[in-house]
Amino acid sequence: MNAANTANVYKNQQIMTASPEELTLMLYNGAIRFITESMQAIEQGNLERANAANLRAQDIVREFMCTLDMQYEISQNYYKLYDYIEYRLIQANIKKDKSQLEEAKSLLTELRDTWMQAMKLARGQQQAAAK
C-alpha cells in the first residue's frame, strides 16, 4: 500500500468515526483549503485547477445551505450568509478574482472559528454535567 492509499484509508476512517460537529468542522476546513488552493492556482495561471478547487468550495457551501433547519430564524440568517459566500465564489470563479475569494475565505474562517468555540463550550457543559 502506498502513502496516498494509506492517507485515504486514514481520512475515510476519520470521517466515518467523526461526530456531526466534527464533520461540520472538517467541511469548514475543507472549504477554506479549497479556496486557498483556488487562489494559489490563479496566481500560478492554472485556471483549470482554480476552477476545480472553487467548485469544490461551492459544493461545501451548498451542502451547508441544504442542511439548515429552516424553521429557525438563525438558520434563515445563516442561509443568507452562505448564499452570499456562494455568490462571491461564483463571481470569483467567473472573473478569476482573488479579492472575492479572500472575502469568501474570511467569512468561512469566521464561521469556522465560531463553530470551534461552540464545540468547546458544548464539551465543557457536557463535562460539567457528567461530574
N, C-alpha and C. Protein backbone atom coordinates (compact mmCIF):
# COMPACT_ATOMS: atom_id res chain seq x y z
N MET A 1 0.85 -1.19 0.00
CA MET A 1 0.00 0.00 0.00
C MET A 1 0.89 1.24 0.00
N ASN A 2 0.65 2.14 -0.93
CA ASN A 2 1.48 3.33 -1.00
C ASN A 2 0.98 4.41 -0.04
N ALA A 3 1.73 5.50 0.05
CA ALA A 3 1.42 6.56 1.02
C ALA A 3 0.07 7.20 0.74
N ALA A 4 -0.28 7.39 -0.54
CA ALA A 4 -1.57 8.02 -0.88
C ALA A 4 -2.73 7.14 -0.43
N ASN A 5 -2.61 5.83 -0.65
CA ASN A 5 -3.67 4.91 -0.21
C ASN A 5 -3.80 4.91 1.30
N THR A 6 -2.67 4.92 1.99
CA THR A 6 -2.68 4.95 3.45
C THR A 6 -3.36 6.22 3.95
N ALA A 7 -3.06 7.35 3.33
CA ALA A 7 -3.67 8.62 3.72
C ALA A 7 -5.18 8.58 3.48
N ASN A 8 -5.60 8.00 2.35
CA ASN A 8 -7.04 7.90 2.05
C ASN A 8 -7.76 7.00 3.05
N VAL A 9 -7.15 5.90 3.41
CA VAL A 9 -7.74 4.99 4.40
C VAL A 9 -7.90 5.72 5.73
N TYR A 10 -6.86 6.45 6.12
CA TYR A 10 -6.89 7.21 7.38
C TYR A 10 -7.99 8.27 7.32
N LYS A 11 -8.07 9.00 6.22
CA LYS A 11 -9.07 10.07 6.08
C LYS A 11 -10.48 9.48 6.12
N ASN A 12 -10.69 8.38 5.42
CA ASN A 12 -12.01 7.73 5.45
C ASN A 12 -12.38 7.28 6.85
N GLN A 13 -11.42 6.73 7.58
CA GLN A 13 -11.66 6.29 8.96
C GLN A 13 -12.01 7.49 9.84
N GLN A 14 -11.31 8.59 9.62
CA GLN A 14 -11.55 9.81 10.38
C GLN A 14 -12.99 10.30 10.14
N ILE A 15 -13.42 10.29 8.89
CA ILE A 15 -14.76 10.75 8.54
C ILE A 15 -15.83 9.81 9.13
N MET A 16 -15.59 8.51 9.01
CA MET A 16 -16.60 7.53 9.46
C MET A 16 -16.79 7.54 10.98
N THR A 17 -15.77 7.96 11.71
CA THR A 17 -15.88 7.94 13.18
C THR A 17 -16.13 9.33 13.77
N ALA A 18 -16.25 10.34 12.93
CA ALA A 18 -16.42 11.72 13.41
C ALA A 18 -17.86 11.96 13.84
N SER A 19 -18.01 12.81 14.84
CA SER A 19 -19.34 13.25 15.26
C SER A 19 -19.86 14.25 14.23
N PRO A 20 -21.18 14.52 14.24
CA PRO A 20 -21.71 15.54 13.32
C PRO A 20 -21.00 16.90 13.49
N GLU A 21 -20.65 17.24 14.72
CA GLU A 21 -19.96 18.51 14.97
C GLU A 21 -18.58 18.52 14.32
N GLU A 22 -17.87 17.38 14.44
CA GLU A 22 -16.54 17.28 13.86
C GLU A 22 -16.62 17.28 12.33
N LEU A 23 -17.65 16.65 11.77
CA LEU A 23 -17.83 16.65 10.31
C LEU A 23 -18.04 18.08 9.80
N THR A 24 -18.84 18.86 10.54
CA THR A 24 -19.07 20.25 10.15
C THR A 24 -17.75 21.01 10.16
N LEU A 25 -16.94 20.80 11.18
CA LEU A 25 -15.63 21.44 11.27
C LEU A 25 -14.75 21.03 10.08
N MET A 26 -14.77 19.74 9.73
CA MET A 26 -14.00 19.26 8.59
C MET A 26 -14.46 19.94 7.30
N LEU A 27 -15.76 20.13 7.16
CA LEU A 27 -16.28 20.79 5.96
C LEU A 27 -15.82 22.24 5.89
N TYR A 28 -15.89 22.95 7.01
CA TYR A 28 -15.37 24.33 7.03
C TYR A 28 -13.91 24.35 6.61
N ASN A 29 -13.12 23.47 7.22
CA ASN A 29 -11.68 23.43 6.90
C ASN A 29 -11.46 23.09 5.43
N GLY A 30 -12.26 22.17 4.91
CA GLY A 30 -12.13 21.80 3.50
C GLY A 30 -12.44 22.97 2.58
N ALA A 31 -13.53 23.69 2.86
CA ALA A 31 -13.90 24.83 2.03
C ALA A 31 -12.80 25.89 2.04
N ILE A 32 -12.26 26.16 3.22
CA ILE A 32 -11.18 27.15 3.35
C ILE A 32 -9.95 26.68 2.56
N ARG A 33 -9.63 25.39 2.68
CA ARG A 33 -8.47 24.83 1.96
C ARG A 33 -8.67 24.94 0.44
N PHE A 34 -9.89 24.63 -0.05
CA PHE A 34 -10.14 24.71 -1.49
C PHE A 34 -10.08 26.14 -2.00
N ILE A 35 -10.53 27.09 -1.20
CA ILE A 35 -10.44 28.50 -1.61
C ILE A 35 -8.98 28.92 -1.69
N THR A 36 -8.19 28.52 -0.71
CA THR A 36 -6.75 28.82 -0.73
C THR A 36 -6.10 28.20 -1.96
N GLU A 37 -6.47 26.96 -2.26
CA GLU A 37 -5.92 26.27 -3.43
C GLU A 37 -6.32 27.01 -4.72
N SER A 38 -7.55 27.49 -4.78
CA SER A 38 -8.02 28.23 -5.95
C SER A 38 -7.23 29.52 -6.12
N MET A 39 -6.98 30.21 -5.01
CA MET A 39 -6.21 31.45 -5.06
C MET A 39 -4.79 31.19 -5.56
N GLN A 40 -4.16 30.14 -5.06
CA GLN A 40 -2.80 29.81 -5.48
C GLN A 40 -2.76 29.44 -6.96
N ALA A 41 -3.78 28.72 -7.41
CA ALA A 41 -3.84 28.32 -8.82
C ALA A 41 -4.00 29.53 -9.73
N ILE A 42 -4.79 30.51 -9.29
CA ILE A 42 -4.94 31.75 -10.07
C ILE A 42 -3.58 32.45 -10.18
N GLU A 43 -2.86 32.53 -9.05
CA GLU A 43 -1.53 33.15 -9.05
C GLU A 43 -0.59 32.45 -10.03
N GLN A 44 -0.72 31.13 -10.12
CA GLN A 44 0.16 30.34 -10.98
C GLN A 44 -0.35 30.27 -12.43
N GLY A 45 -1.52 30.87 -12.67
CA GLY A 45 -2.08 30.85 -14.02
C GLY A 45 -2.72 29.53 -14.40
N ASN A 46 -2.94 28.66 -13.42
CA ASN A 46 -3.57 27.36 -13.68
C ASN A 46 -5.08 27.51 -13.47
N LEU A 47 -5.76 27.99 -14.49
CA LEU A 47 -7.19 28.31 -14.35
C LEU A 47 -8.06 27.07 -14.21
N GLU A 48 -7.62 25.96 -14.78
CA GLU A 48 -8.39 24.71 -14.65
C GLU A 48 -8.40 24.24 -13.19
N ARG A 49 -7.22 24.28 -12.56
CA ARG A 49 -7.13 23.88 -11.15
C ARG A 49 -7.88 24.87 -10.26
N ALA A 50 -7.79 26.17 -10.60
CA ALA A 50 -8.51 27.20 -9.84
C ALA A 50 -10.01 26.93 -9.89
N ASN A 51 -10.51 26.61 -11.07
CA ASN A 51 -11.93 26.32 -11.24
C ASN A 51 -12.34 25.09 -10.43
N ALA A 52 -11.55 24.03 -10.53
CA ALA A 52 -11.89 22.78 -9.83
C ALA A 52 -11.94 23.00 -8.31
N ALA A 53 -10.97 23.71 -7.78
CA ALA A 53 -10.94 23.97 -6.34
C ALA A 53 -12.11 24.86 -5.93
N ASN A 54 -12.40 25.87 -6.73
CA ASN A 54 -13.51 26.77 -6.44
C ASN A 54 -14.83 25.99 -6.42
N LEU A 55 -15.02 25.11 -7.40
CA LEU A 55 -16.26 24.33 -7.46
C LEU A 55 -16.42 23.43 -6.22
N ARG A 56 -15.32 22.90 -5.73
CA ARG A 56 -15.39 22.07 -4.52
C ARG A 56 -15.80 22.91 -3.31
N ALA A 57 -15.28 24.12 -3.22
CA ALA A 57 -15.68 25.02 -2.14
C ALA A 57 -17.17 25.37 -2.27
N GLN A 58 -17.62 25.63 -3.50
CA GLN A 58 -19.04 25.92 -3.72
C GLN A 58 -19.91 24.74 -3.29
N ASP A 59 -19.47 23.52 -3.59
CA ASP A 59 -20.23 22.33 -3.20
C ASP A 59 -20.40 22.26 -1.68
N ILE A 60 -19.35 22.58 -0.96
CA ILE A 60 -19.42 22.54 0.51
C ILE A 60 -20.38 23.61 1.02
N VAL A 61 -20.29 24.80 0.48
CA VAL A 61 -21.19 25.88 0.92
C VAL A 61 -22.64 25.50 0.62
N ARG A 62 -22.88 24.91 -0.55
CA ARG A 62 -24.25 24.47 -0.87
C ARG A 62 -24.72 23.37 0.09
N GLU A 63 -23.81 22.52 0.49
CA GLU A 63 -24.16 21.48 1.48
C GLU A 63 -24.59 22.12 2.79
N PHE A 64 -23.87 23.14 3.23
CA PHE A 64 -24.28 23.87 4.43
C PHE A 64 -25.69 24.44 4.26
N MET A 65 -25.97 25.00 3.09
CA MET A 65 -27.28 25.61 2.83
C MET A 65 -28.39 24.55 2.86
N CYS A 66 -28.12 23.38 2.29
CA CYS A 66 -29.13 22.32 2.20
C CYS A 66 -29.46 21.68 3.54
N THR A 67 -28.51 21.73 4.46
CA THR A 67 -28.71 21.01 5.72
C THR A 67 -29.26 21.90 6.84
N LEU A 68 -29.50 23.17 6.55
CA LEU A 68 -30.06 24.06 7.57
C LEU A 68 -31.52 23.69 7.86
N ASP A 69 -31.89 23.76 9.11
CA ASP A 69 -33.30 23.56 9.52
C ASP A 69 -33.97 24.92 9.47
N MET A 70 -34.73 25.16 8.42
CA MET A 70 -35.25 26.50 8.14
C MET A 70 -36.40 26.93 9.05
N GLN A 71 -36.79 26.11 10.00
CA GLN A 71 -37.84 26.56 10.92
C GLN A 71 -37.31 27.53 11.97
N TYR A 72 -35.99 27.66 12.04
CA TYR A 72 -35.38 28.58 13.00
C TYR A 72 -34.91 29.84 12.28
N GLU A 73 -35.10 30.98 12.93
CA GLU A 73 -34.70 32.25 12.32
C GLU A 73 -33.20 32.30 12.08
N ILE A 74 -32.43 31.75 13.00
CA ILE A 74 -30.97 31.79 12.83
C ILE A 74 -30.55 31.03 11.57
N SER A 75 -31.27 29.95 11.27
CA SER A 75 -30.97 29.19 10.05
C SER A 75 -31.22 30.03 8.81
N GLN A 76 -32.27 30.83 8.85
CA GLN A 76 -32.57 31.71 7.72
C GLN A 76 -31.45 32.74 7.54
N ASN A 77 -30.92 33.23 8.66
CA ASN A 77 -29.80 34.18 8.60
C ASN A 77 -28.54 33.52 8.05
N TYR A 78 -28.27 32.29 8.52
CA TYR A 78 -27.11 31.55 8.00
C TYR A 78 -27.27 31.28 6.52
N TYR A 79 -28.50 30.96 6.09
CA TYR A 79 -28.75 30.70 4.68
C TYR A 79 -28.35 31.92 3.84
N LYS A 80 -28.75 33.09 4.29
CA LYS A 80 -28.42 34.32 3.56
C LYS A 80 -26.90 34.52 3.49
N LEU A 81 -26.23 34.24 4.59
CA LEU A 81 -24.78 34.39 4.63
C LEU A 81 -24.10 33.38 3.69
N TYR A 82 -24.53 32.12 3.74
CA TYR A 82 -23.98 31.11 2.84
C TYR A 82 -24.27 31.45 1.38
N ASP A 83 -25.46 31.98 1.12
CA ASP A 83 -25.83 32.37 -0.23
C ASP A 83 -24.89 33.47 -0.73
N TYR A 84 -24.58 34.41 0.14
CA TYR A 84 -23.65 35.49 -0.21
C TYR A 84 -22.25 34.92 -0.49
N ILE A 85 -21.80 33.99 0.36
CA ILE A 85 -20.49 33.37 0.17
C ILE A 85 -20.46 32.62 -1.17
N GLU A 86 -21.53 31.89 -1.45
CA GLU A 86 -21.60 31.16 -2.71
C GLU A 86 -21.54 32.14 -3.90
N TYR A 87 -22.27 33.25 -3.79
CA TYR A 87 -22.25 34.27 -4.84
C TYR A 87 -20.83 34.79 -5.06
N ARG A 88 -20.12 35.07 -3.98
CA ARG A 88 -18.74 35.55 -4.08
C ARG A 88 -17.86 34.50 -4.77
N LEU A 89 -18.04 33.23 -4.41
CA LEU A 89 -17.25 32.17 -5.04
C LEU A 89 -17.53 32.08 -6.54
N ILE A 90 -18.79 32.17 -6.90
CA ILE A 90 -19.16 32.10 -8.32
C ILE A 90 -18.56 33.28 -9.08
N GLN A 91 -18.70 34.49 -8.53
CA GLN A 91 -18.15 35.67 -9.18
C GLN A 91 -16.62 35.58 -9.28
N ALA A 92 -16.00 35.09 -8.23
CA ALA A 92 -14.54 34.93 -8.24
C ALA A 92 -14.13 33.93 -9.31
N ASN A 93 -14.93 32.89 -9.49
CA ASN A 93 -14.61 31.87 -10.48
C ASN A 93 -14.77 32.42 -11.90
N ILE A 94 -15.80 33.19 -12.12
CA ILE A 94 -16.04 33.78 -13.44
C ILE A 94 -14.93 34.77 -13.79
N LYS A 95 -14.60 35.62 -12.82
CA LYS A 95 -13.66 36.72 -13.08
C LYS A 95 -12.22 36.39 -12.69
N LYS A 96 -12.02 35.23 -12.09
CA LYS A 96 -10.69 34.85 -11.57
C LYS A 96 -10.16 35.95 -10.66
N ASP A 97 -11.02 36.35 -9.72
CA ASP A 97 -10.79 37.50 -8.84
C ASP A 97 -10.43 37.01 -7.43
N LYS A 98 -9.16 37.16 -7.09
CA LYS A 98 -8.69 36.70 -5.78
C LYS A 98 -9.32 37.48 -4.62
N SER A 99 -9.67 38.75 -4.82
CA SER A 99 -10.24 39.54 -3.72
C SER A 99 -11.60 38.96 -3.29
N GLN A 100 -12.36 38.46 -4.23
CA GLN A 100 -13.64 37.85 -3.88
C GLN A 100 -13.43 36.50 -3.18
N LEU A 101 -12.41 35.79 -3.60
CA LEU A 101 -12.06 34.54 -2.91
C LEU A 101 -11.62 34.84 -1.48
N GLU A 102 -10.84 35.90 -1.32
CA GLU A 102 -10.36 36.29 0.01
C GLU A 102 -11.54 36.63 0.93
N GLU A 103 -12.55 37.33 0.39
CA GLU A 103 -13.72 37.67 1.19
C GLU A 103 -14.47 36.41 1.61
N ALA A 104 -14.67 35.49 0.67
CA ALA A 104 -15.36 34.23 1.00
C ALA A 104 -14.57 33.45 2.04
N LYS A 105 -13.27 33.40 1.88
CA LYS A 105 -12.41 32.68 2.83
C LYS A 105 -12.49 33.31 4.22
N SER A 106 -12.47 34.64 4.27
CA SER A 106 -12.54 35.34 5.54
C SER A 106 -13.87 35.03 6.27
N LEU A 107 -14.96 35.06 5.53
CA LEU A 107 -16.27 34.77 6.14
C LEU A 107 -16.33 33.32 6.63
N LEU A 108 -15.85 32.40 5.83
CA LEU A 108 -15.87 30.99 6.24
C LEU A 108 -14.94 30.74 7.42
N THR A 109 -13.83 31.45 7.46
CA THR A 109 -12.90 31.31 8.60
C THR A 109 -13.56 31.79 9.89
N GLU A 110 -14.28 32.91 9.80
CA GLU A 110 -15.02 33.41 10.97
C GLU A 110 -16.07 32.41 11.43
N LEU A 111 -16.81 31.86 10.49
CA LEU A 111 -17.84 30.87 10.82
C LEU A 111 -17.20 29.63 11.44
N ARG A 112 -16.08 29.19 10.87
CA ARG A 112 -15.38 28.02 11.41
C ARG A 112 -14.89 28.27 12.83
N ASP A 113 -14.31 29.44 13.05
CA ASP A 113 -13.79 29.76 14.39
C ASP A 113 -14.92 29.83 15.41
N THR A 114 -16.06 30.39 15.00
CA THR A 114 -17.23 30.44 15.89
C THR A 114 -17.71 29.02 16.18
N TRP A 115 -17.73 28.17 15.16
CA TRP A 115 -18.14 26.77 15.34
C TRP A 115 -17.22 26.07 16.32
N MET A 116 -15.91 26.31 16.21
CA MET A 116 -14.95 25.69 17.12
C MET A 116 -15.20 26.13 18.56
N GLN A 117 -15.49 27.42 18.75
CA GLN A 117 -15.80 27.93 20.09
C GLN A 117 -17.06 27.27 20.64
N ALA A 118 -18.07 27.12 19.80
CA ALA A 118 -19.32 26.48 20.23
C ALA A 118 -19.06 25.03 20.63
N MET A 119 -18.21 24.34 19.87
CA MET A 119 -17.88 22.95 20.20
C MET A 119 -17.18 22.88 21.57
N LYS A 120 -16.25 23.80 21.82
CA LYS A 120 -15.55 23.82 23.11
C LYS A 120 -16.51 24.08 24.26
N LEU A 121 -17.42 25.04 24.08
CA LEU A 121 -18.41 25.34 25.12
C LEU A 121 -19.30 24.14 25.38
N ALA A 122 -19.75 23.49 24.32
CA ALA A 122 -20.62 22.33 24.47
C ALA A 122 -19.90 21.20 25.20
N ARG A 123 -18.63 20.98 24.85
CA ARG A 123 -17.85 19.95 25.55
C ARG A 123 -17.70 20.29 27.04
N GLY A 124 -17.44 21.55 27.33
CA GLY A 124 -17.30 21.97 28.71
C GLY A 124 -18.59 21.76 29.49
N GLN A 125 -19.71 22.04 28.87
CA GLN A 125 -21.01 21.83 29.54
C GLN A 125 -21.28 20.35 29.73
N GLN A 126 -20.91 19.53 28.75
CA GLN A 126 -21.10 18.07 28.88
C GLN A 126 -20.24 17.52 30.01
N GLN A 127 -19.00 18.00 30.10
CA GLN A 127 -18.11 17.53 31.14
C GLN A 127 -18.60 17.97 32.52
N ALA A 128 -19.12 19.20 32.60
CA ALA A 128 -19.64 19.70 33.87
C ALA A 128 -20.87 18.91 34.30
N ALA A 129 -21.72 18.57 33.34
CA ALA A 129 -22.93 17.81 33.65
C ALA A 129 -22.61 16.38 34.06
N ALA A 130 -21.49 15.84 33.58
CA ALA A 130 -21.12 14.46 33.89
C ALA A 130 -20.54 14.32 35.28
N LYS A 131 -20.14 15.44 35.89
CA LYS A 131 -19.50 15.38 37.22
C LYS A 131 -20.53 15.26 38.32
